[in-house]
């Protein structure tokens, strides 16, 4: 599977073909923690294992929690969120997510991408970017392209020399060639950014 995906991406994209051999294979999570990751997106505006700010990780450490759940959220709220500034909108979103997960959440592993999106759309404050990040990382979907992601936009402008005007269109045209593995193209670009930051490439 790995060789098939990398071969496809390298055949259809000369930029990826240059960098993929120098980058690590983007492993997908093996045990999705949906509530934990969703709270990470809400609180930090990044999914926890992609973030460079580490705000969510620090809050978890302050509360003595490894994986945030509905059951331990009261401890998290008391020990970590007390005094932490959250907008009223974020507080409302968090309350809605807790209510949803306190009932009977769906069997996520049986849902398609569109079904997962439909569930998230029913939660106030969970927009397209959060849906994309959850599908890309938490659920490990193979063909997600978060065109509105700020960091992805910066990376593609730099690597592909894209203009700001018409950027969404240009990004989508490039990513069309990656189908049905757009998620892996995206993750390789994020990996490129991380490796360059650590001066590994």
N, C-alpha and C. Protein backbone atom coordinates (compact mmCIF):
# COMPACT_ATOMS: atom_id res chain seq x y z
N UNK A 1 0.83 -1.21 0.00
CA UNK A 1 0.00 0.00 0.00
C UNK A 1 0.87 1.27 0.00
N UNK A 2 1.87 1.28 0.88
CA UNK A 2 2.74 2.46 0.97
C UNK A 2 3.44 2.72 -0.35
N UNK A 3 4.02 1.69 -0.94
CA UNK A 3 4.76 1.87 -2.20
C UNK A 3 3.82 2.29 -3.33
N UNK A 4 2.60 1.77 -3.33
CA UNK A 4 1.64 2.14 -4.37
C UNK A 4 1.27 3.61 -4.27
N UNK A 5 1.05 4.09 -3.04
CA UNK A 5 0.67 5.49 -2.83
C UNK A 5 1.82 6.42 -3.19
N UNK A 6 3.01 6.12 -2.69
CA UNK A 6 4.15 7.00 -2.97
C UNK A 6 4.49 6.99 -4.45
N UNK A 7 4.37 5.84 -5.10
CA UNK A 7 4.65 5.77 -6.54
C UNK A 7 3.66 6.64 -7.31
N UNK A 8 2.39 6.56 -6.94
CA UNK A 8 1.38 7.37 -7.61
C UNK A 8 1.67 8.87 -7.44
N UNK A 9 1.93 9.30 -6.20
CA UNK A 9 2.17 10.72 -5.94
C UNK A 9 3.41 11.21 -6.68
N UNK A 10 4.43 10.39 -6.73
CA UNK A 10 5.67 10.80 -7.40
C UNK A 10 5.51 10.83 -8.92
N UNK A 11 4.63 10.01 -9.44
CA UNK A 11 4.40 9.99 -10.89
C UNK A 11 3.60 11.20 -11.36
N UNK A 12 2.70 11.70 -10.50
CA UNK A 12 1.80 12.76 -10.94
C UNK A 12 2.23 14.15 -10.49
N UNK A 13 3.27 14.23 -9.64
CA UNK A 13 3.65 15.53 -9.08
C UNK A 13 5.17 15.59 -8.94
N UNK A 14 5.81 16.42 -9.77
CA UNK A 14 7.27 16.47 -9.77
C UNK A 14 7.83 17.10 -8.48
N UNK A 15 7.05 17.97 -7.84
CA UNK A 15 7.50 18.56 -6.57
C UNK A 15 7.55 17.48 -5.49
N UNK A 16 6.47 16.71 -5.37
CA UNK A 16 6.45 15.61 -4.40
C UNK A 16 7.50 14.57 -4.75
N UNK A 17 7.72 14.33 -6.04
CA UNK A 17 8.71 13.35 -6.46
C UNK A 17 10.11 13.74 -5.97
N UNK A 18 10.37 15.03 -5.88
CA UNK A 18 11.67 15.50 -5.42
C UNK A 18 11.85 15.27 -3.92
N UNK A 19 10.76 15.45 -3.14
CA UNK A 19 10.89 15.47 -1.69
C UNK A 19 10.50 14.17 -0.98
N UNK A 20 9.59 13.41 -1.54
CA UNK A 20 9.12 12.20 -0.85
C UNK A 20 10.24 11.26 -0.43
N UNK A 21 11.25 11.01 -1.27
CA UNK A 21 12.31 10.08 -0.85
C UNK A 21 13.07 10.55 0.40
N UNK A 22 12.99 11.83 0.74
CA UNK A 22 13.71 12.36 1.90
C UNK A 22 12.83 12.50 3.15
N UNK A 23 11.55 12.15 3.01
CA UNK A 23 10.61 12.36 4.11
C UNK A 23 10.09 11.03 4.65
N UNK A 24 9.67 11.06 5.91
CA UNK A 24 9.11 9.86 6.53
C UNK A 24 7.70 9.60 6.01
N UNK A 25 7.35 8.33 5.96
CA UNK A 25 6.00 7.92 5.58
C UNK A 25 5.01 8.42 6.64
N UNK A 26 3.94 9.11 6.24
CA UNK A 26 2.98 9.65 7.22
C UNK A 26 2.05 8.57 7.77
N UNK A 27 2.37 8.05 8.92
CA UNK A 27 1.57 7.00 9.54
C UNK A 27 0.22 7.55 10.00
N UNK A 28 -0.83 6.75 9.85
CA UNK A 28 -2.16 7.13 10.33
C UNK A 28 -2.33 6.65 11.77
N UNK A 29 -3.14 7.37 12.57
CA UNK A 29 -3.40 6.93 13.95
C UNK A 29 -4.03 5.54 13.96
N UNK A 30 -3.67 4.74 14.94
CA UNK A 30 -4.22 3.38 15.01
C UNK A 30 -5.38 3.28 15.99
N UNK A 31 -5.52 4.24 16.88
CA UNK A 31 -6.58 4.21 17.88
C UNK A 31 -7.19 5.60 18.01
N UNK A 32 -8.11 5.96 17.10
CA UNK A 32 -8.65 7.32 17.10
C UNK A 32 -9.34 7.68 18.41
N UNK A 33 -8.99 8.84 18.95
CA UNK A 33 -9.63 9.37 20.15
C UNK A 33 -10.43 10.59 19.70
N UNK A 34 -11.67 10.37 19.30
CA UNK A 34 -12.44 11.40 18.62
C UNK A 34 -12.72 12.59 19.53
N UNK A 35 -13.19 12.35 20.73
CA UNK A 35 -13.48 13.44 21.67
C UNK A 35 -12.22 14.24 21.99
N UNK A 36 -11.14 13.54 22.28
CA UNK A 36 -9.86 14.15 22.60
C UNK A 36 -9.39 15.07 21.47
N UNK A 37 -9.40 14.55 20.24
CA UNK A 37 -8.91 15.32 19.10
C UNK A 37 -9.83 16.49 18.77
N UNK A 38 -11.13 16.27 18.92
CA UNK A 38 -12.08 17.35 18.64
C UNK A 38 -11.88 18.50 19.63
N UNK A 39 -11.68 18.16 20.89
CA UNK A 39 -11.42 19.20 21.88
C UNK A 39 -10.11 19.93 21.59
N UNK A 40 -9.13 19.21 21.10
CA UNK A 40 -7.86 19.83 20.72
C UNK A 40 -8.08 20.86 19.62
N UNK A 41 -8.88 20.51 18.62
CA UNK A 41 -9.17 21.44 17.52
C UNK A 41 -9.91 22.67 18.02
N UNK A 42 -10.84 22.48 18.95
CA UNK A 42 -11.64 23.59 19.46
C UNK A 42 -10.78 24.52 20.31
N UNK A 43 -10.03 23.94 21.24
CA UNK A 43 -9.28 24.74 22.20
C UNK A 43 -8.05 25.39 21.58
N UNK A 44 -7.32 24.62 20.79
CA UNK A 44 -6.05 25.13 20.28
C UNK A 44 -6.11 25.56 18.82
N UNK A 45 -7.19 25.19 18.14
CA UNK A 45 -7.34 25.43 16.71
C UNK A 45 -6.28 24.67 15.90
N UNK A 46 -5.79 23.59 16.50
CA UNK A 46 -4.92 22.65 15.82
C UNK A 46 -5.20 21.27 16.40
N UNK A 47 -5.03 20.25 15.61
CA UNK A 47 -5.17 18.91 16.16
C UNK A 47 -3.91 18.61 16.96
N UNK A 48 -4.04 17.95 18.09
CA UNK A 48 -2.99 17.95 19.12
C UNK A 48 -1.65 17.42 18.64
N UNK A 49 -1.62 16.40 17.79
CA UNK A 49 -0.32 15.85 17.38
C UNK A 49 0.23 16.52 16.13
N UNK A 50 -0.44 17.59 15.70
CA UNK A 50 0.09 18.37 14.59
C UNK A 50 0.55 19.75 15.07
N UNK A 51 0.14 20.12 16.26
CA UNK A 51 0.37 21.49 16.74
C UNK A 51 1.82 21.74 17.11
N UNK A 52 2.22 22.99 16.90
CA UNK A 52 3.54 23.42 17.37
C UNK A 52 3.41 24.28 18.63
N UNK A 53 2.19 24.72 18.92
CA UNK A 53 1.98 25.59 20.09
C UNK A 53 1.96 24.79 21.38
N UNK A 54 1.46 23.56 21.31
CA UNK A 54 1.43 22.65 22.47
C UNK A 54 0.57 23.16 23.62
N UNK A 55 -0.34 24.08 23.34
CA UNK A 55 -1.23 24.58 24.39
C UNK A 55 -2.06 23.46 24.98
N UNK A 56 -2.63 22.64 24.12
CA UNK A 56 -3.49 21.55 24.58
C UNK A 56 -2.69 20.56 25.43
N UNK A 57 -1.49 20.24 24.99
CA UNK A 57 -0.64 19.31 25.75
C UNK A 57 -0.32 19.86 27.13
N UNK A 58 -0.05 21.16 27.21
CA UNK A 58 0.24 21.78 28.51
C UNK A 58 -0.97 21.74 29.43
N UNK A 59 -2.14 21.97 28.88
CA UNK A 59 -3.36 21.92 29.68
C UNK A 59 -3.62 20.51 30.19
N UNK A 60 -3.39 19.52 29.35
CA UNK A 60 -3.56 18.13 29.77
C UNK A 60 -2.58 17.80 30.90
N UNK A 61 -1.35 18.25 30.75
CA UNK A 61 -0.34 18.01 31.78
C UNK A 61 -0.72 18.65 33.10
N UNK A 62 -1.27 19.83 33.01
CA UNK A 62 -1.70 20.55 34.22
C UNK A 62 -2.79 19.79 34.96
N UNK A 63 -3.63 19.11 34.19
CA UNK A 63 -4.74 18.34 34.78
C UNK A 63 -4.34 16.91 35.10
N UNK A 64 -3.13 16.49 34.68
CA UNK A 64 -2.69 15.12 34.92
C UNK A 64 -3.45 14.11 34.10
N UNK A 65 -3.81 14.49 32.86
CA UNK A 65 -4.61 13.64 31.97
C UNK A 65 -3.83 13.33 30.70
N UNK A 66 -3.88 12.07 30.29
CA UNK A 66 -3.24 11.68 29.03
C UNK A 66 -4.21 11.80 27.86
N UNK A 67 -5.39 11.22 28.01
CA UNK A 67 -6.40 11.25 26.96
C UNK A 67 -7.68 11.86 27.54
N UNK A 68 -8.13 12.93 26.95
CA UNK A 68 -9.32 13.61 27.45
C UNK A 68 -10.58 12.85 27.04
N UNK A 69 -11.48 12.63 28.00
CA UNK A 69 -12.74 11.95 27.74
C UNK A 69 -13.88 12.74 28.37
N UNK A 70 -15.09 12.35 28.04
CA UNK A 70 -16.25 12.97 28.69
C UNK A 70 -16.17 12.75 30.20
N UNK A 71 -15.72 11.55 30.58
CA UNK A 71 -15.70 11.17 31.99
C UNK A 71 -14.71 12.01 32.81
N UNK A 72 -13.57 12.37 32.22
CA UNK A 72 -12.58 13.14 33.01
C UNK A 72 -12.58 14.63 32.66
N UNK A 73 -13.56 15.06 31.89
CA UNK A 73 -13.56 16.47 31.47
C UNK A 73 -13.73 17.42 32.66
N UNK A 74 -14.49 17.00 33.68
CA UNK A 74 -14.66 17.86 34.86
C UNK A 74 -13.32 18.16 35.53
N UNK A 75 -12.46 17.14 35.61
CA UNK A 75 -11.12 17.33 36.18
C UNK A 75 -10.32 18.30 35.31
N UNK A 76 -10.40 18.11 34.00
CA UNK A 76 -9.71 18.97 33.05
C UNK A 76 -10.20 20.42 33.19
N UNK A 77 -11.50 20.58 33.30
CA UNK A 77 -12.09 21.92 33.42
C UNK A 77 -11.64 22.59 34.71
N UNK A 78 -11.64 21.83 35.80
CA UNK A 78 -11.30 22.39 37.10
C UNK A 78 -9.82 22.73 37.22
N UNK A 79 -8.96 21.81 36.75
CA UNK A 79 -7.52 21.97 36.98
C UNK A 79 -6.79 22.69 35.85
N UNK A 80 -7.36 22.69 34.65
CA UNK A 80 -6.65 23.28 33.51
C UNK A 80 -7.37 24.47 32.90
N UNK A 81 -8.67 24.37 32.73
CA UNK A 81 -9.40 25.45 32.06
C UNK A 81 -9.77 26.59 32.99
N UNK A 82 -9.74 26.34 34.28
CA UNK A 82 -10.05 27.39 35.24
C UNK A 82 -9.02 28.53 35.11
N UNK A 83 -9.46 29.66 34.65
CA UNK A 83 -8.55 30.79 34.43
C UNK A 83 -8.00 30.87 33.02
N UNK A 84 -8.24 29.82 32.21
CA UNK A 84 -7.79 29.83 30.81
C UNK A 84 -8.84 30.54 29.96
N UNK A 85 -8.42 31.51 29.19
CA UNK A 85 -9.37 32.33 28.45
C UNK A 85 -9.88 31.62 27.20
N UNK A 86 -11.18 31.38 27.18
CA UNK A 86 -11.85 30.84 26.01
C UNK A 86 -12.97 31.78 25.62
N UNK A 87 -13.15 31.99 24.33
CA UNK A 87 -14.24 32.87 23.88
C UNK A 87 -15.58 32.24 24.24
N UNK A 88 -16.61 33.08 24.29
CA UNK A 88 -17.95 32.57 24.55
C UNK A 88 -18.39 31.55 23.53
N UNK A 89 -18.00 31.77 22.27
CA UNK A 89 -18.37 30.84 21.20
C UNK A 89 -17.71 29.48 21.41
N UNK A 90 -16.43 29.48 21.82
CA UNK A 90 -15.75 28.22 22.07
C UNK A 90 -16.37 27.49 23.26
N UNK A 91 -16.74 28.22 24.27
CA UNK A 91 -17.39 27.62 25.44
C UNK A 91 -18.70 26.95 25.04
N UNK A 92 -19.45 27.61 24.16
CA UNK A 92 -20.71 27.03 23.69
C UNK A 92 -20.45 25.77 22.86
N UNK A 93 -19.42 25.82 22.03
CA UNK A 93 -19.08 24.65 21.21
C UNK A 93 -18.68 23.48 22.09
N UNK A 94 -17.84 23.73 23.09
CA UNK A 94 -17.40 22.68 24.02
C UNK A 94 -18.60 22.07 24.73
N UNK A 95 -19.52 22.91 25.18
CA UNK A 95 -20.71 22.41 25.89
C UNK A 95 -21.54 21.51 24.97
N UNK A 96 -21.68 21.92 23.72
CA UNK A 96 -22.45 21.12 22.76
C UNK A 96 -21.79 19.78 22.46
N UNK A 97 -20.46 19.79 22.35
CA UNK A 97 -19.72 18.55 22.08
C UNK A 97 -19.85 17.60 23.27
N UNK A 98 -19.75 18.12 24.48
CA UNK A 98 -19.89 17.29 25.67
C UNK A 98 -21.29 16.67 25.73
N UNK A 99 -22.31 17.46 25.45
CA UNK A 99 -23.68 16.93 25.43
C UNK A 99 -23.81 15.80 24.41
N UNK A 100 -23.23 16.01 23.24
CA UNK A 100 -23.32 15.01 22.18
C UNK A 100 -22.63 13.71 22.59
N UNK A 101 -21.42 13.80 23.12
CA UNK A 101 -20.67 12.61 23.48
C UNK A 101 -21.17 11.97 24.78
N UNK A 102 -21.95 12.72 25.55
CA UNK A 102 -22.51 12.17 26.78
C UNK A 102 -23.70 11.26 26.48
N UNK A 103 -24.29 11.42 25.31
CA UNK A 103 -25.38 10.52 24.91
C UNK A 103 -24.75 9.29 24.29
N UNK A 104 -25.20 8.87 23.15
CA UNK A 104 -24.62 7.69 22.50
C UNK A 104 -24.00 8.11 21.18
N UNK A 105 -22.69 8.36 21.16
CA UNK A 105 -22.05 8.75 19.89
C UNK A 105 -22.10 7.61 18.89
N UNK A 106 -21.98 7.91 17.61
CA UNK A 106 -22.08 6.85 16.60
C UNK A 106 -20.89 5.91 16.62
N UNK A 107 -21.06 4.78 15.97
CA UNK A 107 -19.94 3.85 15.78
C UNK A 107 -19.12 4.40 14.61
N UNK A 108 -18.17 5.24 14.95
CA UNK A 108 -17.42 6.02 13.94
C UNK A 108 -16.81 5.13 12.87
N UNK A 109 -16.34 3.94 13.27
CA UNK A 109 -15.63 3.08 12.32
C UNK A 109 -16.52 2.59 11.19
N UNK A 110 -17.83 2.71 11.36
CA UNK A 110 -18.76 2.24 10.32
C UNK A 110 -19.27 3.37 9.43
N UNK A 111 -18.83 4.60 9.69
CA UNK A 111 -19.34 5.75 8.94
C UNK A 111 -18.43 6.10 7.76
N UNK A 112 -19.04 6.56 6.69
CA UNK A 112 -18.28 7.07 5.55
C UNK A 112 -17.85 8.51 5.83
N UNK A 113 -17.02 9.05 4.96
CA UNK A 113 -16.59 10.44 5.12
C UNK A 113 -17.79 11.38 5.19
N UNK A 114 -18.73 11.22 4.27
CA UNK A 114 -19.88 12.12 4.23
C UNK A 114 -20.76 11.97 5.46
N UNK A 115 -20.87 10.77 5.97
CA UNK A 115 -21.66 10.56 7.20
C UNK A 115 -20.98 11.22 8.40
N UNK A 116 -19.66 11.13 8.47
CA UNK A 116 -18.93 11.79 9.56
C UNK A 116 -19.10 13.30 9.46
N UNK A 117 -18.99 13.84 8.25
CA UNK A 117 -19.20 15.28 8.06
C UNK A 117 -20.61 15.68 8.50
N UNK A 118 -21.60 14.86 8.18
CA UNK A 118 -22.97 15.17 8.55
C UNK A 118 -23.14 15.23 10.07
N UNK A 119 -22.47 14.32 10.78
CA UNK A 119 -22.52 14.33 12.24
C UNK A 119 -21.91 15.62 12.76
N UNK A 120 -20.74 15.98 12.26
CA UNK A 120 -20.05 17.19 12.73
C UNK A 120 -20.83 18.46 12.39
N UNK A 121 -21.48 18.47 11.22
CA UNK A 121 -22.26 19.65 10.83
C UNK A 121 -23.41 19.89 11.81
N UNK A 122 -23.85 18.83 12.46
CA UNK A 122 -24.91 18.97 13.44
C UNK A 122 -24.45 19.55 14.76
N UNK A 123 -23.14 19.73 14.92
CA UNK A 123 -22.58 20.30 16.16
C UNK A 123 -22.22 21.76 15.92
N UNK A 124 -22.83 22.65 16.67
CA UNK A 124 -22.58 24.07 16.50
C UNK A 124 -21.11 24.39 16.73
N UNK A 125 -20.53 25.16 15.82
CA UNK A 125 -19.14 25.60 15.98
C UNK A 125 -18.12 24.68 15.33
N UNK A 126 -18.55 23.56 14.78
CA UNK A 126 -17.62 22.63 14.12
C UNK A 126 -17.71 22.87 12.62
N UNK A 127 -16.77 23.64 12.09
CA UNK A 127 -16.82 24.04 10.69
C UNK A 127 -16.03 23.13 9.77
N UNK A 128 -15.93 23.50 8.50
CA UNK A 128 -15.25 22.67 7.49
C UNK A 128 -13.78 22.37 7.83
N UNK A 129 -13.04 23.37 8.38
CA UNK A 129 -11.64 23.12 8.69
C UNK A 129 -11.49 22.02 9.73
N UNK A 130 -12.27 22.10 10.81
CA UNK A 130 -12.20 21.08 11.85
C UNK A 130 -12.60 19.72 11.30
N UNK A 131 -13.63 19.69 10.49
CA UNK A 131 -14.03 18.43 9.86
C UNK A 131 -12.89 17.83 9.05
N UNK A 132 -12.24 18.68 8.25
CA UNK A 132 -11.12 18.20 7.42
C UNK A 132 -9.98 17.66 8.29
N UNK A 133 -9.63 18.39 9.36
CA UNK A 133 -8.53 17.94 10.22
C UNK A 133 -8.85 16.62 10.90
N UNK A 134 -10.09 16.46 11.35
CA UNK A 134 -10.50 15.22 11.99
C UNK A 134 -10.47 14.05 11.00
N UNK A 135 -10.97 14.29 9.81
CA UNK A 135 -10.98 13.24 8.78
C UNK A 135 -9.56 12.89 8.35
N UNK A 136 -8.73 13.90 8.23
CA UNK A 136 -7.35 13.71 7.77
C UNK A 136 -6.51 12.96 8.79
N UNK A 137 -6.59 13.37 10.05
CA UNK A 137 -5.71 12.81 11.08
C UNK A 137 -6.39 11.76 11.95
N UNK A 138 -7.49 12.11 12.59
CA UNK A 138 -8.11 11.19 13.54
C UNK A 138 -8.67 9.95 12.86
N UNK A 139 -9.37 10.16 11.74
CA UNK A 139 -10.00 9.03 11.06
C UNK A 139 -9.13 8.44 9.96
N UNK A 140 -8.04 9.10 9.64
CA UNK A 140 -7.11 8.55 8.65
C UNK A 140 -7.71 8.34 7.28
N UNK A 141 -8.65 9.20 6.88
CA UNK A 141 -9.24 9.09 5.54
C UNK A 141 -8.17 9.38 4.49
N UNK A 142 -8.24 8.68 3.37
CA UNK A 142 -7.16 8.72 2.39
C UNK A 142 -7.23 9.90 1.42
N UNK A 143 -8.41 10.51 1.27
CA UNK A 143 -8.56 11.47 0.18
C UNK A 143 -9.18 12.78 0.65
N UNK A 144 -8.53 13.43 1.62
CA UNK A 144 -9.01 14.70 2.17
C UNK A 144 -8.06 15.82 1.77
N UNK A 145 -8.63 16.94 1.36
CA UNK A 145 -7.80 18.09 0.98
C UNK A 145 -8.33 19.35 1.64
N UNK A 146 -7.71 19.79 2.75
CA UNK A 146 -8.19 20.96 3.51
C UNK A 146 -7.71 22.27 2.89
N UNK A 147 -8.37 22.69 1.85
CA UNK A 147 -7.90 23.84 1.07
C UNK A 147 -7.83 25.12 1.90
N UNK A 148 -8.60 25.22 2.99
CA UNK A 148 -8.60 26.43 3.80
C UNK A 148 -7.54 26.42 4.90
N UNK A 149 -6.78 25.36 5.02
CA UNK A 149 -5.78 25.31 6.09
C UNK A 149 -4.67 26.33 5.83
N UNK A 150 -4.44 27.19 6.81
CA UNK A 150 -3.49 28.29 6.67
C UNK A 150 -2.09 27.80 6.33
N UNK A 151 -1.62 26.79 7.04
CA UNK A 151 -0.26 26.30 6.83
C UNK A 151 -0.10 25.62 5.48
N UNK A 152 -1.12 24.86 5.08
CA UNK A 152 -1.07 24.22 3.76
C UNK A 152 -1.01 25.26 2.66
N UNK A 153 -1.75 26.34 2.82
CA UNK A 153 -1.74 27.41 1.82
C UNK A 153 -0.35 28.05 1.70
N UNK A 154 0.30 28.29 2.84
CA UNK A 154 1.64 28.86 2.81
C UNK A 154 2.63 27.91 2.13
N UNK A 155 2.55 26.64 2.48
CA UNK A 155 3.46 25.65 1.92
C UNK A 155 3.30 25.56 0.41
N UNK A 156 2.05 25.48 -0.06
CA UNK A 156 1.84 25.29 -1.50
C UNK A 156 2.18 26.56 -2.27
N UNK A 157 1.99 27.72 -1.67
CA UNK A 157 2.42 28.94 -2.34
C UNK A 157 3.94 28.94 -2.53
N UNK A 158 4.65 28.49 -1.51
CA UNK A 158 6.11 28.49 -1.58
C UNK A 158 6.63 27.41 -2.52
N UNK A 159 6.18 26.18 -2.33
CA UNK A 159 6.74 25.07 -3.10
C UNK A 159 6.32 25.08 -4.57
N UNK A 160 5.09 25.50 -4.82
CA UNK A 160 4.57 25.44 -6.19
C UNK A 160 4.55 26.82 -6.86
N UNK A 161 4.98 27.85 -6.13
CA UNK A 161 5.02 29.19 -6.71
C UNK A 161 3.65 29.72 -7.09
N UNK A 162 2.66 29.48 -6.23
CA UNK A 162 1.29 29.87 -6.56
C UNK A 162 1.01 31.32 -6.16
N UNK A 163 0.23 32.04 -6.96
CA UNK A 163 -0.15 33.41 -6.62
C UNK A 163 -1.28 33.40 -5.59
N UNK A 164 -1.41 34.50 -4.87
CA UNK A 164 -2.49 34.62 -3.89
C UNK A 164 -3.85 34.66 -4.59
N UNK A 165 -3.91 35.36 -5.70
CA UNK A 165 -5.16 35.44 -6.44
C UNK A 165 -5.49 34.09 -7.06
N UNK A 166 -6.68 33.60 -6.81
CA UNK A 166 -7.08 32.30 -7.35
C UNK A 166 -6.39 31.12 -6.69
N UNK A 167 -5.92 31.33 -5.44
CA UNK A 167 -5.13 30.29 -4.76
C UNK A 167 -5.93 29.01 -4.55
N UNK A 168 -7.17 29.11 -4.12
CA UNK A 168 -7.98 27.91 -3.90
C UNK A 168 -8.06 27.06 -5.16
N UNK A 169 -8.32 27.71 -6.27
CA UNK A 169 -8.44 27.00 -7.54
C UNK A 169 -7.13 26.32 -7.91
N UNK A 170 -6.03 27.04 -7.77
CA UNK A 170 -4.72 26.48 -8.13
C UNK A 170 -4.37 25.29 -7.24
N UNK A 171 -4.65 25.42 -5.95
CA UNK A 171 -4.36 24.32 -5.01
C UNK A 171 -5.17 23.08 -5.35
N UNK A 172 -6.44 23.30 -5.63
CA UNK A 172 -7.32 22.16 -5.95
C UNK A 172 -6.89 21.47 -7.25
N UNK A 173 -6.44 22.26 -8.22
CA UNK A 173 -5.99 21.67 -9.48
C UNK A 173 -4.78 20.77 -9.27
N UNK A 174 -3.85 21.22 -8.45
CA UNK A 174 -2.68 20.39 -8.14
C UNK A 174 -3.09 19.13 -7.41
N UNK A 175 -3.95 19.28 -6.41
CA UNK A 175 -4.36 18.14 -5.59
C UNK A 175 -5.22 17.15 -6.35
N UNK A 176 -5.90 17.59 -7.41
CA UNK A 176 -6.70 16.67 -8.21
C UNK A 176 -5.85 15.51 -8.73
N UNK A 177 -4.59 15.82 -9.06
CA UNK A 177 -3.70 14.78 -9.58
C UNK A 177 -3.36 13.73 -8.52
N UNK A 178 -3.47 14.10 -7.26
CA UNK A 178 -3.13 13.18 -6.18
C UNK A 178 -4.21 12.14 -5.91
N UNK A 179 -5.45 12.41 -6.36
CA UNK A 179 -6.54 11.49 -6.08
C UNK A 179 -6.17 10.06 -6.46
N UNK A 180 -6.57 9.07 -5.71
CA UNK A 180 -7.44 9.09 -4.52
C UNK A 180 -6.64 9.15 -3.20
N UNK A 181 -5.45 9.76 -3.25
CA UNK A 181 -4.58 9.80 -2.06
C UNK A 181 -4.21 11.23 -1.68
N UNK A 182 -5.16 12.15 -1.77
CA UNK A 182 -4.85 13.55 -1.48
C UNK A 182 -4.36 13.74 -0.04
N UNK A 183 -4.89 12.95 0.89
CA UNK A 183 -4.45 13.09 2.28
C UNK A 183 -2.95 12.88 2.42
N UNK A 184 -2.42 11.93 1.67
CA UNK A 184 -0.99 11.63 1.77
C UNK A 184 -0.16 12.74 1.15
N UNK A 185 -0.67 13.33 0.07
CA UNK A 185 0.02 14.49 -0.49
C UNK A 185 0.09 15.62 0.51
N UNK A 186 -1.02 15.88 1.19
CA UNK A 186 -1.08 16.93 2.21
C UNK A 186 -0.10 16.62 3.34
N UNK A 187 -0.12 15.39 3.84
CA UNK A 187 0.74 15.05 4.97
C UNK A 187 2.22 15.11 4.59
N UNK A 188 2.55 14.76 3.36
CA UNK A 188 3.94 14.89 2.92
C UNK A 188 4.36 16.36 2.89
N UNK A 189 3.45 17.24 2.51
CA UNK A 189 3.79 18.66 2.50
C UNK A 189 3.99 19.18 3.93
N UNK A 190 3.14 18.74 4.85
CA UNK A 190 3.34 19.12 6.26
C UNK A 190 4.64 18.54 6.79
N UNK A 191 4.96 17.32 6.37
CA UNK A 191 6.21 16.69 6.79
C UNK A 191 7.40 17.47 6.25
N UNK A 192 7.28 17.96 5.02
CA UNK A 192 8.34 18.78 4.43
C UNK A 192 8.57 20.03 5.28
N UNK A 193 7.49 20.67 5.67
CA UNK A 193 7.61 21.88 6.49
C UNK A 193 8.29 21.59 7.82
N UNK A 194 7.88 20.48 8.47
CA UNK A 194 8.45 20.11 9.77
C UNK A 194 9.92 19.77 9.64
N UNK A 195 10.28 19.04 8.58
CA UNK A 195 11.68 18.66 8.38
C UNK A 195 12.55 19.87 8.11
N UNK A 196 12.03 20.81 7.35
CA UNK A 196 12.80 22.02 7.04
C UNK A 196 12.99 22.87 8.30
N UNK A 197 11.94 22.90 9.14
CA UNK A 197 12.04 23.67 10.39
C UNK A 197 13.12 23.10 11.29
N UNK A 198 13.25 21.77 11.29
CA UNK A 198 14.28 21.11 12.11
C UNK A 198 15.63 21.05 11.37
N UNK A 199 15.68 21.67 10.19
CA UNK A 199 16.89 21.73 9.36
C UNK A 199 17.38 20.33 8.99
N UNK A 200 16.42 19.44 8.71
CA UNK A 200 16.78 18.07 8.31
C UNK A 200 16.87 17.98 6.79
N UNK A 201 16.35 18.97 6.08
CA UNK A 201 16.42 18.97 4.61
C UNK A 201 16.85 20.36 4.14
